[in-house]
Protein backbone atom coordinates (compact mmCIF):
# COMPACT_ATOMS: atom_id res chain seq x y z
CA MET A 1 0.00 0.00 0.00
CA GLN A 2 1.30 3.41 -0.94
CA THR A 3 1.58 5.79 2.01
CA THR A 4 3.12 8.80 0.29
CA TYR A 5 1.14 11.25 -1.77
CA ASN A 6 2.30 13.05 -4.88
CA ALA A 7 1.39 16.62 -5.81
CA ILE A 8 -1.93 15.64 -7.41
CA ASP A 9 -2.98 13.71 -4.31
CA LYS A 10 -2.09 16.55 -1.96
CA PHE A 11 -3.86 19.13 -4.12
CA ALA A 12 -7.04 17.04 -4.36
CA LEU A 13 -7.10 16.34 -0.62
CA TRP A 14 -6.54 19.99 0.28
CA LEU A 15 -9.09 21.23 -2.26
CA GLY A 16 -11.80 18.72 -1.35
CA GLY A 17 -11.31 19.11 2.38
CA GLY A 18 -11.04 22.87 2.11
CA LEU A 19 -14.29 23.19 0.17
CA MET A 20 -16.10 21.00 2.70
CA LEU A 21 -14.73 23.02 5.62
CA LEU A 22 -15.58 26.29 3.90
CA GLY A 23 -19.15 25.16 3.27
CA THR A 24 -19.78 23.91 6.80
CA VAL A 25 -17.48 25.36 9.42
CA ILE A 26 -16.35 28.73 8.08
CA LEU A 27 -19.63 29.86 6.54
CA GLY A 28 -21.47 28.41 9.55
CA LEU A 29 -19.39 30.59 11.84
CA VAL A 30 -20.05 33.59 9.61
CA GLU A 31 -23.77 32.84 9.86
CA VAL A 32 -23.62 32.63 13.67
CA VAL A 33 -21.60 35.85 13.96
CA MET A 34 -24.05 37.74 11.75
CA GLY A 35 -26.93 36.73 14.03
CA PRO A 36 -30.38 35.19 13.58
CA PRO A 37 -32.03 33.72 11.55
CA TYR A 38 -30.02 30.53 11.43
CA GLY A 39 -32.47 28.41 9.45
CA ALA A 40 -32.43 27.66 5.76
CA ALA A 41 -35.78 29.31 5.10
CA PRO A 42 -36.47 33.04 5.34
CA LEU A 43 -38.56 34.21 8.28
CA THR A 44 -41.98 35.60 7.43
CA ASN A 45 -44.63 37.42 9.43
CA ASP A 46 -48.33 36.52 9.60
CA ALA A 47 -49.00 38.38 6.35
CA GLY A 48 -46.39 36.30 4.51
CA GLU A 49 -43.89 39.11 4.07
CA VAL A 50 -40.24 38.16 4.36
CA ILE A 51 -38.81 39.87 7.42
CA ALA A 52 -35.38 38.17 7.65
CA THR A 53 -33.21 35.94 5.48
CA PRO A 54 -30.04 33.98 6.28
CA PHE A 55 -26.80 35.92 5.67
CA VAL A 56 -25.23 33.12 3.59
CA ASP A 57 -27.44 31.35 1.09
CA PRO A 58 -27.94 27.72 2.17
CA ASN A 59 -27.69 26.63 -1.47
CA LEU A 60 -24.18 28.10 -1.62
CA ARG A 61 -23.11 26.26 1.53
CA THR A 62 -24.57 22.99 0.27
CA GLY A 63 -23.01 23.47 -3.15
CA LEU A 64 -19.54 24.01 -1.68
CA PHE A 65 -19.85 20.89 0.46
CA VAL A 66 -21.07 18.76 -2.45
CA LEU A 67 -18.31 20.14 -4.69
CA GLY A 68 -15.76 19.07 -2.07
CA LEU A 69 -17.27 15.58 -2.03
CA VAL A 70 -17.12 15.43 -5.84
CA VAL A 71 -13.45 16.45 -5.81
CA LEU A 72 -12.68 13.70 -3.30
CA LEU A 73 -14.70 11.18 -5.35
CA VAL A 74 -12.80 12.04 -8.53
CA TRP A 75 -9.53 11.78 -6.62
CA GLY A 76 -10.55 8.36 -5.30
CA LEU A 77 -11.38 7.18 -8.81
CA TYR A 78 -8.01 8.50 -9.99
CA ARG A 79 -6.28 6.53 -7.23
CA LEU A 80 -8.12 3.37 -8.27
CA ALA A 81 -7.17 3.83 -11.93
CA ALA A 82 -3.53 4.82 -11.36
CA PRO A 83 -1.09 1.91 -11.46
CA MET A 84 0.51 1.01 -8.15
CA GLU A 85 4.27 1.27 -7.84
CA THR A 86 5.91 -2.08 -7.13
CA ALA A 87 9.10 -2.75 -5.21
CA GLU A 88 11.08 -3.41 -8.43
CA GLU A 89 10.06 -0.04 -9.86
CA LYS A 90 11.36 1.90 -6.89
CA GLN A 91 14.83 3.21 -7.41
CA VAL A 92 16.99 2.68 -4.40
CA ALA A 93 20.34 4.42 -4.30
CA ASP A 94 23.15 2.59 -2.52
CA MET A 95 24.85 4.86 -0.02
CA THR A 96 28.04 4.16 1.81
CA ALA A 97 28.61 5.09 5.38
CA ASP A 98 31.34 7.56 6.24
């Protein structure tokens, strides 16, 4: 099993994880700091007029999270399709001790 990641692996992991964190944690904190309402639907009064809406659109937050999942899914498919490096393919340099 390969335990080291190349540049593509690191980029995909950072991008996918970053998008998921942005959509949940960071924008969630922004929503809490900006104050109520916290729900996904706008608040209305008895007449049906919108009196308050969330600061960050819930569709944006959901889209960022799903995009992060898609990036990680594509990365996983790439890892399945990429050939594994065998022991014979690894280049080992002989070093002498001083």
